[in-house]
Amino acid sequence: MDYIPIKENRDFRRIYSRGKNMVSPVIVCYVLHNRCGTVRVGITTSKRIGNAVKRNRSRRVIRAAFRELLPRIKPGNDFIFVARAKTPYVKSTSVQRAMEQQLHKAGLLQ
């Protein structure tokens, strides 16, 4: 199973406004059910995270953590992951642990 990236601004706005959000010190996750039956993912890193190197590392770490959890995720949902200040300094395993707790709490893991 693979995921589709979210690129459109209107999709991001819709998920931010209507989606359910879960917060941890490492990552913020927004989830909204979609009708297409696929998993769609958007990753956001603001300039507060740091320079371009730190923002890119944050995105890489989040993507790697999500890829590990993808086989267990129920299809039919849109996800937005927002990096926080700690994200560029941690390993993908700790991001994965936080992501797993958030998705388990939301009931999205099989």
N, C-alpha and C. Protein backbone atom coordinates (compact mmCIF):
# COMPACT_ATOMS: atom_id res chain seq x y z
N MET A 1 0.84 -1.17 0.00
CA MET A 1 0.00 0.00 0.00
C MET A 1 0.90 1.24 0.00
N ASP A 2 0.50 2.25 -0.73
CA ASP A 2 1.27 3.47 -0.81
C ASP A 2 0.37 4.64 -0.48
N TYR A 3 0.96 5.81 -0.31
CA TYR A 3 0.16 6.98 0.00
C TYR A 3 0.29 8.02 -1.10
N ILE A 4 -0.68 8.93 -1.13
CA ILE A 4 -0.71 10.01 -2.12
C ILE A 4 -0.37 11.30 -1.37
N PRO A 5 0.55 12.11 -1.89
CA PRO A 5 0.86 13.36 -1.20
C PRO A 5 -0.25 14.40 -1.38
N ILE A 6 -0.48 15.19 -0.34
CA ILE A 6 -1.43 16.30 -0.40
C ILE A 6 -0.63 17.54 -0.78
N LYS A 7 -1.04 18.21 -1.85
CA LYS A 7 -0.30 19.37 -2.32
C LYS A 7 -1.14 20.63 -2.42
N GLU A 8 -2.43 20.47 -2.55
CA GLU A 8 -3.32 21.62 -2.75
C GLU A 8 -3.58 22.36 -1.44
N ASN A 9 -3.52 23.68 -1.48
CA ASN A 9 -3.75 24.50 -0.30
C ASN A 9 -5.17 24.30 0.24
N ARG A 10 -6.15 24.13 -0.66
CA ARG A 10 -7.53 23.96 -0.19
C ARG A 10 -7.68 22.66 0.61
N ASP A 11 -6.93 21.61 0.24
CA ASP A 11 -6.98 20.36 1.00
C ASP A 11 -6.39 20.56 2.39
N PHE A 12 -5.27 21.27 2.47
CA PHE A 12 -4.66 21.56 3.77
C PHE A 12 -5.64 22.34 4.64
N ARG A 13 -6.26 23.38 4.08
CA ARG A 13 -7.19 24.20 4.86
C ARG A 13 -8.39 23.39 5.34
N ARG A 14 -8.90 22.51 4.46
CA ARG A 14 -10.06 21.69 4.83
C ARG A 14 -9.71 20.76 5.99
N ILE A 15 -8.54 20.13 5.93
CA ILE A 15 -8.14 19.19 6.98
C ILE A 15 -7.86 19.94 8.29
N TYR A 16 -7.23 21.12 8.19
CA TYR A 16 -6.98 21.92 9.40
C TYR A 16 -8.29 22.32 10.08
N SER A 17 -9.29 22.73 9.29
CA SER A 17 -10.52 23.24 9.89
C SER A 17 -11.45 22.12 10.36
N ARG A 18 -11.59 21.05 9.60
CA ARG A 18 -12.55 20.00 9.94
C ARG A 18 -11.94 18.79 10.61
N GLY A 19 -10.61 18.64 10.52
CA GLY A 19 -9.97 17.43 11.01
C GLY A 19 -9.81 17.40 12.52
N LYS A 20 -9.51 16.21 13.01
CA LYS A 20 -9.25 15.99 14.43
C LYS A 20 -7.75 16.13 14.62
N ASN A 21 -7.30 16.84 15.67
CA ASN A 21 -5.86 17.00 15.84
C ASN A 21 -5.38 16.37 17.13
N MET A 22 -4.14 15.85 17.08
CA MET A 22 -3.49 15.24 18.23
C MET A 22 -2.10 15.84 18.35
N VAL A 23 -1.71 16.20 19.57
CA VAL A 23 -0.47 16.92 19.77
C VAL A 23 0.48 16.11 20.63
N SER A 24 1.76 16.11 20.27
CA SER A 24 2.83 15.55 21.09
C SER A 24 4.00 16.52 21.04
N PRO A 25 5.00 16.38 21.89
CA PRO A 25 6.13 17.31 21.86
C PRO A 25 6.92 17.28 20.56
N VAL A 26 6.81 16.18 19.80
CA VAL A 26 7.62 16.02 18.60
C VAL A 26 6.84 16.34 17.32
N ILE A 27 5.52 16.09 17.33
CA ILE A 27 4.75 16.18 16.09
C ILE A 27 3.28 16.48 16.40
N VAL A 28 2.63 17.17 15.47
CA VAL A 28 1.18 17.40 15.56
C VAL A 28 0.55 16.68 14.37
N CYS A 29 -0.54 15.98 14.62
CA CYS A 29 -1.18 15.20 13.56
C CYS A 29 -2.64 15.64 13.41
N TYR A 30 -3.03 15.94 12.17
CA TYR A 30 -4.43 16.24 11.84
C TYR A 30 -4.95 15.10 10.99
N VAL A 31 -6.15 14.62 11.30
CA VAL A 31 -6.74 13.49 10.57
C VAL A 31 -8.15 13.84 10.15
N LEU A 32 -8.49 13.51 8.91
CA LEU A 32 -9.84 13.70 8.41
C LEU A 32 -10.17 12.54 7.47
N HIS A 33 -11.35 11.98 7.64
CA HIS A 33 -11.79 10.87 6.77
C HIS A 33 -12.02 11.40 5.36
N ASN A 34 -11.59 10.63 4.35
CA ASN A 34 -11.86 11.02 2.96
C ASN A 34 -12.72 9.96 2.28
N ARG A 35 -13.28 10.32 1.15
CA ARG A 35 -14.19 9.40 0.45
C ARG A 35 -13.49 8.52 -0.57
N CYS A 36 -12.24 8.83 -0.91
CA CYS A 36 -11.61 8.09 -2.01
C CYS A 36 -11.01 6.75 -1.57
N GLY A 37 -10.97 6.47 -0.27
CA GLY A 37 -10.51 5.16 0.19
C GLY A 37 -9.01 4.97 0.12
N THR A 38 -8.25 6.05 -0.03
CA THR A 38 -6.79 5.95 -0.05
C THR A 38 -6.22 6.75 1.12
N VAL A 39 -4.94 6.57 1.35
CA VAL A 39 -4.25 7.33 2.38
C VAL A 39 -3.54 8.50 1.71
N ARG A 40 -3.87 9.72 2.16
CA ARG A 40 -3.21 10.91 1.62
C ARG A 40 -2.47 11.60 2.76
N VAL A 41 -1.27 12.10 2.47
CA VAL A 41 -0.42 12.66 3.52
C VAL A 41 0.15 14.00 3.09
N GLY A 42 0.11 14.97 4.01
CA GLY A 42 0.78 16.25 3.83
C GLY A 42 1.69 16.49 5.01
N ILE A 43 2.86 17.07 4.76
CA ILE A 43 3.82 17.36 5.84
C ILE A 43 4.12 18.85 5.80
N THR A 44 4.03 19.49 6.97
CA THR A 44 4.25 20.93 7.07
C THR A 44 5.39 21.21 8.04
N THR A 45 6.30 22.07 7.63
CA THR A 45 7.35 22.55 8.53
C THR A 45 7.43 24.06 8.36
N SER A 46 7.26 24.78 9.46
CA SER A 46 7.30 26.24 9.38
C SER A 46 8.72 26.74 9.56
N LYS A 47 8.91 28.01 9.36
CA LYS A 47 10.24 28.60 9.52
C LYS A 47 10.68 28.65 10.97
N ARG A 48 9.74 28.46 11.90
CA ARG A 48 10.12 28.42 13.31
C ARG A 48 11.00 27.21 13.63
N ILE A 49 10.94 26.17 12.79
CA ILE A 49 11.73 24.96 13.01
C ILE A 49 13.21 25.26 12.89
N GLY A 50 13.57 26.13 11.95
CA GLY A 50 14.98 26.46 11.75
C GLY A 50 15.24 26.74 10.28
N ASN A 51 16.51 26.59 9.90
CA ASN A 51 16.87 26.85 8.51
C ASN A 51 16.42 25.71 7.60
N ALA A 52 16.71 25.82 6.32
CA ALA A 52 16.22 24.84 5.33
C ALA A 52 16.71 23.43 5.64
N VAL A 53 17.93 23.30 6.14
CA VAL A 53 18.48 21.98 6.46
C VAL A 53 17.64 21.31 7.54
N LYS A 54 17.31 22.05 8.58
CA LYS A 54 16.51 21.48 9.68
C LYS A 54 15.08 21.18 9.23
N ARG A 55 14.51 22.03 8.40
CA ARG A 55 13.15 21.77 7.91
C ARG A 55 13.14 20.52 7.03
N ASN A 56 14.12 20.38 6.16
CA ASN A 56 14.19 19.19 5.30
C ASN A 56 14.41 17.93 6.12
N ARG A 57 15.26 18.01 7.14
CA ARG A 57 15.48 16.85 8.01
C ARG A 57 14.18 16.47 8.72
N SER A 58 13.44 17.48 9.18
CA SER A 58 12.16 17.21 9.84
C SER A 58 11.22 16.46 8.91
N ARG A 59 11.13 16.93 7.68
CA ARG A 59 10.25 16.26 6.70
C ARG A 59 10.70 14.83 6.43
N ARG A 60 12.01 14.63 6.30
CA ARG A 60 12.55 13.28 6.06
C ARG A 60 12.23 12.34 7.21
N VAL A 61 12.42 12.83 8.44
CA VAL A 61 12.16 12.01 9.63
C VAL A 61 10.69 11.64 9.73
N ILE A 62 9.82 12.60 9.47
CA ILE A 62 8.37 12.34 9.53
C ILE A 62 7.97 11.34 8.45
N ARG A 63 8.50 11.53 7.23
CA ARG A 63 8.18 10.62 6.13
C ARG A 63 8.64 9.20 6.43
N ALA A 64 9.84 9.05 7.00
CA ALA A 64 10.37 7.72 7.33
C ALA A 64 9.52 7.05 8.40
N ALA A 65 9.12 7.81 9.41
CA ALA A 65 8.28 7.24 10.48
C ALA A 65 6.92 6.81 9.93
N PHE A 66 6.34 7.64 9.06
CA PHE A 66 5.03 7.30 8.50
C PHE A 66 5.12 6.06 7.61
N ARG A 67 6.20 5.96 6.83
CA ARG A 67 6.37 4.81 5.94
C ARG A 67 6.41 3.50 6.70
N GLU A 68 7.00 3.53 7.91
CA GLU A 68 7.04 2.33 8.74
C GLU A 68 5.66 1.92 9.24
N LEU A 69 4.82 2.91 9.52
CA LEU A 69 3.48 2.63 10.06
C LEU A 69 2.44 2.39 8.97
N LEU A 70 2.75 2.73 7.74
CA LEU A 70 1.76 2.70 6.65
C LEU A 70 1.04 1.36 6.48
N PRO A 71 1.71 0.21 6.56
CA PRO A 71 0.97 -1.06 6.38
C PRO A 71 -0.12 -1.29 7.44
N ARG A 72 -0.01 -0.66 8.61
CA ARG A 72 -0.98 -0.87 9.69
C ARG A 72 -2.09 0.18 9.70
N ILE A 73 -2.00 1.21 8.86
CA ILE A 73 -2.97 2.30 8.89
C ILE A 73 -4.20 1.95 8.06
N LYS A 74 -5.37 2.24 8.62
CA LYS A 74 -6.62 1.99 7.90
C LYS A 74 -6.74 2.97 6.74
N PRO A 75 -7.09 2.50 5.54
CA PRO A 75 -7.21 3.41 4.39
C PRO A 75 -8.45 4.30 4.50
N GLY A 76 -8.44 5.36 3.70
CA GLY A 76 -9.59 6.25 3.66
C GLY A 76 -9.46 7.46 4.56
N ASN A 77 -8.21 7.88 4.83
CA ASN A 77 -8.01 9.03 5.69
C ASN A 77 -6.96 9.97 5.11
N ASP A 78 -7.12 11.26 5.41
CA ASP A 78 -6.12 12.27 5.07
C ASP A 78 -5.37 12.62 6.34
N PHE A 79 -4.06 12.74 6.22
CA PHE A 79 -3.22 13.08 7.37
C PHE A 79 -2.40 14.32 7.03
N ILE A 80 -2.24 15.19 8.02
CA ILE A 80 -1.26 16.27 7.92
C ILE A 80 -0.40 16.17 9.17
N PHE A 81 0.90 16.11 8.96
CA PHE A 81 1.84 16.08 10.08
C PHE A 81 2.59 17.40 10.11
N VAL A 82 2.58 18.05 11.26
CA VAL A 82 3.24 19.33 11.43
C VAL A 82 4.44 19.13 12.33
N ALA A 83 5.62 19.52 11.84
CA ALA A 83 6.83 19.39 12.64
C ALA A 83 6.84 20.42 13.76
N ARG A 84 7.43 20.05 14.88
CA ARG A 84 7.56 20.99 16.00
C ARG A 84 9.05 21.28 16.21
N ALA A 85 9.36 22.12 17.19
CA ALA A 85 10.73 22.59 17.39
C ALA A 85 11.71 21.44 17.67
N LYS A 86 11.25 20.37 18.32
CA LYS A 86 12.14 19.24 18.64
C LYS A 86 12.38 18.31 17.46
N THR A 87 11.53 18.33 16.47
CA THR A 87 11.55 17.33 15.40
C THR A 87 12.90 17.18 14.69
N PRO A 88 13.61 18.25 14.32
CA PRO A 88 14.87 18.01 13.59
C PRO A 88 15.97 17.38 14.45
N TYR A 89 15.78 17.35 15.76
CA TYR A 89 16.83 16.84 16.65
C TYR A 89 16.60 15.42 17.13
N VAL A 90 15.51 14.78 16.73
CA VAL A 90 15.22 13.43 17.20
C VAL A 90 15.31 12.43 16.05
N LYS A 91 15.41 11.16 16.41
CA LYS A 91 15.48 10.09 15.41
C LYS A 91 14.07 9.76 14.92
N SER A 92 14.01 9.09 13.79
CA SER A 92 12.70 8.75 13.23
C SER A 92 11.96 7.74 14.11
N THR A 93 12.70 6.96 14.91
CA THR A 93 12.03 5.98 15.78
C THR A 93 11.21 6.67 16.87
N SER A 94 11.71 7.78 17.42
CA SER A 94 10.92 8.47 18.45
C SER A 94 9.73 9.21 17.82
N VAL A 95 9.90 9.71 16.59
CA VAL A 95 8.77 10.30 15.88
C VAL A 95 7.74 9.22 15.58
N GLN A 96 8.23 8.05 15.19
CA GLN A 96 7.34 6.93 14.89
C GLN A 96 6.56 6.52 16.14
N ARG A 97 7.23 6.50 17.29
CA ARG A 97 6.55 6.14 18.54
C ARG A 97 5.44 7.13 18.87
N ALA A 98 5.74 8.42 18.73
CA ALA A 98 4.72 9.45 19.00
C ALA A 98 3.57 9.35 18.00
N MET A 99 3.91 9.13 16.72
CA MET A 99 2.90 9.01 15.67
C MET A 99 2.01 7.79 15.94
N GLU A 100 2.63 6.70 16.36
CA GLU A 100 1.88 5.47 16.64
C GLU A 100 0.90 5.68 17.79
N GLN A 101 1.34 6.38 18.84
CA GLN A 101 0.45 6.66 19.97
C GLN A 101 -0.74 7.52 19.52
N GLN A 102 -0.46 8.53 18.71
CA GLN A 102 -1.53 9.42 18.24
C GLN A 102 -2.53 8.66 17.38
N LEU A 103 -2.04 7.87 16.43
CA LEU A 103 -2.93 7.14 15.53
C LEU A 103 -3.70 6.03 16.27
N HIS A 104 -3.07 5.44 17.27
CA HIS A 104 -3.76 4.42 18.07
C HIS A 104 -4.89 5.06 18.87
N LYS A 105 -4.61 6.24 19.42
CA LYS A 105 -5.62 6.96 20.20
C LYS A 105 -6.80 7.35 19.31
N ALA A 106 -6.52 7.66 18.04
CA ALA A 106 -7.58 8.04 17.10
C ALA A 106 -8.30 6.81 16.52
N GLY A 107 -7.77 5.62 16.80
CA GLY A 107 -8.40 4.38 16.30
C GLY A 107 -8.15 4.14 14.83
N LEU A 108 -6.99 4.58 14.32
CA LEU A 108 -6.69 4.46 12.89
C LEU A 108 -5.68 3.35 12.57
N LEU A 109 -5.24 2.61 13.57
CA LEU A 109 -4.32 1.50 13.31
C LEU A 109 -5.08 0.20 13.33
N GLN A 110 -4.68 -0.72 12.46
CA GLN A 110 -5.34 -2.03 12.39
C GLN A 110 -4.70 -2.97 13.38
